[in-house]
Amino acid sequence: MSGQSSSLTLSDARKIIAAGERKAQELGVAYNIAVVDSGGNLIAHERMDGAWLGSIDISIHKAWTARAFDMPTQELATMAQSGKPLFGINSTNHDRVVIFAGGMPVKLGGVVLGGVGASGGTVEQDQKVVEAAVAAVRDEEHRRRDRALHA
């Protein structure tokens, strides 16, 4: 999204959050949506009117987890079940690791630029919101490339 940068910018984060918010409104659920940069640092967070206070930290931690492990938290959840190789990982990193759906890394061309976390509904709804948010990055990149090709 942000030209040559290898990290999300505030402008990127605002677009990502707006896309997540549109999906949340479609679902009729108030959300907390967080975006972190390539270093896992919080760039932006939005708490929609009426969103749960308890979901603030969850959304931020989901975004951080997705970037820290460069995978959707939904996938990490599968590997963190009892008897699986990453069982107990959620108790590491000062309890910041979230092992349920709603966090995704933001990648372009195989490069991780940051992460997004969404919390406020069911885990299935959280996943839908975060997928819509990440899709905004891909859509914006496609539009940018099309403009460059047709310029």
Protein backbone atom coordinates (compact mmCIF):
# COMPACT_ATOMS: atom_id res chain seq x y z
CA MET A 1 0.00 0.00 0.00
CA SER A 2 2.57 2.53 1.05
CA GLY A 3 4.91 2.64 -1.93
CA GLN A 4 8.37 1.28 -1.13
CA SER A 5 7.79 0.95 2.61
CA SER A 6 8.12 -2.44 4.26
CA SER A 7 5.72 -1.46 7.03
CA LEU A 8 2.17 -0.20 7.25
CA THR A 9 1.68 3.53 7.71
CA LEU A 10 -0.97 5.47 9.58
CA SER A 11 -2.70 6.11 6.25
CA ASP A 12 -2.72 2.36 5.56
CA ALA A 13 -4.04 1.65 9.04
CA ARG A 14 -6.91 4.08 8.58
CA LYS A 15 -7.94 2.35 5.33
CA ILE A 16 -7.68 -1.06 6.95
CA ILE A 17 -9.78 0.00 9.93
CA ALA A 18 -12.39 1.61 7.66
CA ALA A 19 -12.75 -1.66 5.71
CA GLY A 20 -13.09 -3.64 8.94
CA GLU A 21 -15.63 -1.17 10.25
CA ARG A 22 -17.75 -1.52 7.09
CA LYS A 23 -17.84 -5.30 7.60
CA ALA A 24 -18.68 -4.86 11.30
CA GLN A 25 -21.58 -2.58 10.40
CA GLU A 26 -22.78 -5.13 7.85
CA LEU A 27 -22.72 -7.75 10.63
CA GLY A 28 -24.45 -5.35 13.03
CA VAL A 29 -21.75 -5.75 15.68
CA ALA A 30 -19.66 -3.02 17.34
CA TYR A 31 -15.96 -3.81 17.05
CA ASN A 32 -12.51 -2.95 18.30
CA ILE A 33 -10.05 -3.02 15.39
CA ALA A 34 -6.29 -2.64 15.80
CA VAL A 35 -3.43 -2.33 13.33
CA VAL A 36 0.26 -2.89 14.10
CA ASP A 37 3.32 -2.17 11.98
CA SER A 38 5.99 -4.62 10.84
CA GLY A 39 7.62 -4.40 14.28
CA GLY A 40 4.37 -5.29 16.05
CA ASN A 41 3.91 -1.74 17.35
CA LEU A 42 0.41 -0.30 17.52
CA ILE A 43 -0.28 2.19 14.72
CA ALA A 44 -4.01 2.69 15.22
CA HIS A 45 -6.96 1.35 17.14
CA GLU A 46 -10.65 2.08 16.82
CA ARG A 47 -13.38 1.25 19.27
CA MET A 48 -16.73 1.56 17.57
CA ASP A 49 -19.53 3.07 19.65
CA GLY A 50 -20.84 0.40 21.98
CA ALA A 51 -17.95 -2.05 21.46
CA TRP A 52 -16.90 -4.02 24.51
CA LEU A 53 -14.17 -2.51 26.66
CA GLY A 54 -12.72 -5.98 27.20
CA SER A 55 -12.16 -6.32 23.47
CA ILE A 56 -9.74 -3.38 23.29
CA ASP A 57 -6.74 -5.37 24.51
CA ILE A 58 -7.92 -8.50 22.71
CA SER A 59 -7.94 -6.73 19.32
CA ILE A 60 -4.50 -5.22 19.95
CA HIS A 61 -3.09 -8.56 21.09
CA LYS A 62 -4.59 -10.35 18.09
CA ALA A 63 -2.87 -7.88 15.74
CA TRP A 64 0.42 -8.31 17.63
CA THR A 65 0.13 -12.11 17.64
CA ALA A 66 -0.55 -12.22 13.90
CA ARG A 67 2.58 -10.15 13.27
CA ALA A 68 4.73 -11.87 15.89
CA PHE A 69 4.10 -15.28 14.33
CA ASP A 70 3.31 -14.13 10.77
CA MET A 71 0.17 -16.23 10.61
CA PRO A 72 -3.52 -15.80 11.25
CA THR A 73 -4.42 -16.37 14.89
CA GLN A 74 -6.99 -18.87 13.61
CA GLU A 75 -4.12 -21.07 12.33
CA LEU A 76 -2.14 -20.62 15.52
CA ALA A 77 -5.20 -21.82 17.43
CA THR A 78 -5.08 -25.15 15.61
CA MET A 79 -1.43 -25.68 16.52
CA ALA A 80 -1.96 -24.60 20.14
CA GLN A 81 -4.54 -27.23 21.08
CA SER A 82 -3.78 -29.83 23.72
CA GLY A 83 -1.40 -32.43 22.30
CA LYS A 84 -0.25 -30.14 19.47
CA PRO A 85 3.29 -28.73 19.12
CA LEU A 86 2.45 -25.19 20.31
CA PHE A 87 0.24 -26.12 23.25
CA GLY A 88 0.69 -23.50 25.97
CA ILE A 89 2.00 -20.76 23.64
CA ASN A 90 -0.82 -18.47 24.77
CA SER A 91 0.83 -18.23 28.20
CA THR A 92 4.05 -16.81 26.73
CA ASN A 93 5.03 -13.25 25.87
CA HIS A 94 3.39 -11.82 29.00
CA ASP A 95 0.07 -13.41 27.96
CA ARG A 96 -0.10 -11.32 24.75
CA VAL A 97 -0.49 -14.35 22.48
CA VAL A 98 -4.09 -14.87 21.34
CA ILE A 99 -5.03 -18.30 20.02
CA PHE A 100 -8.44 -17.78 18.49
CA ALA A 101 -9.63 -16.24 15.24
CA GLY A 102 -9.61 -12.53 14.48
CA GLY A 103 -5.96 -11.67 13.89
CA MET A 104 -4.16 -11.70 10.53
CA PRO A 105 -0.80 -10.57 9.23
CA VAL A 106 -0.86 -8.03 6.42
CA LYS A 107 1.33 -9.23 3.54
CA LEU A 108 2.15 -7.88 0.11
CA GLY A 109 4.33 -9.85 -2.24
CA GLY A 110 5.26 -12.24 0.57
CA VAL A 111 6.49 -9.40 2.79
CA VAL A 112 4.78 -8.94 6.14
CA LEU A 113 3.93 -5.27 6.61
CA GLY A 114 2.07 -5.57 9.90
CA GLY A 115 -0.98 -7.14 11.45
CA VAL A 116 -4.68 -6.53 12.09
CA GLY A 117 -6.83 -7.66 15.00
CA ALA A 118 -10.60 -7.50 15.43
CA SER A 119 -12.64 -8.33 18.50
CA GLY A 120 -16.29 -7.83 19.35
CA GLY A 121 -18.38 -10.68 18.02
CA THR A 122 -18.13 -14.43 17.73
CA VAL A 123 -14.79 -15.80 16.55
CA GLU A 124 -16.40 -16.43 13.16
CA GLN A 125 -17.52 -12.79 12.96
CA ASP A 126 -14.10 -11.59 14.17
CA GLN A 127 -12.50 -13.57 11.33
CA LYS A 128 -14.87 -12.04 8.76
CA VAL A 129 -14.06 -8.52 9.97
CA VAL A 130 -10.31 -9.07 9.91
CA GLU A 131 -10.46 -10.72 6.47
CA ALA A 132 -12.34 -7.71 5.10
CA ALA A 133 -9.78 -5.40 6.68
CA VAL A 134 -6.83 -7.28 5.14
CA ALA A 135 -8.59 -7.45 1.77
CA ALA A 136 -8.52 -3.65 1.72
CA VAL A 137 -4.72 -3.81 1.50
CA ARG A 138 -4.79 -6.16 -1.47
CA ASP A 139 -7.52 -4.14 -3.19
CA GLU A 140 -5.60 -0.89 -2.70
CA GLU A 141 -2.41 -2.47 -4.05
CA HIS A 142 -4.27 -3.73 -7.14
CA ARG A 143 -5.71 -0.26 -7.75
CA ARG A 144 -2.25 1.29 -7.35
CA ARG A 145 -0.72 -1.17 -9.81
CA ASP A 146 -3.53 -0.61 -12.33
CA ARG A 147 -3.01 3.16 -12.15
CA ALA A 148 0.72 2.70 -12.69
CA LEU A 149 0.17 0.42 -15.69
CA HIS A 150 -2.30 2.79 -17.30
CA ALA A 151 -0.41 6.00 -16.61
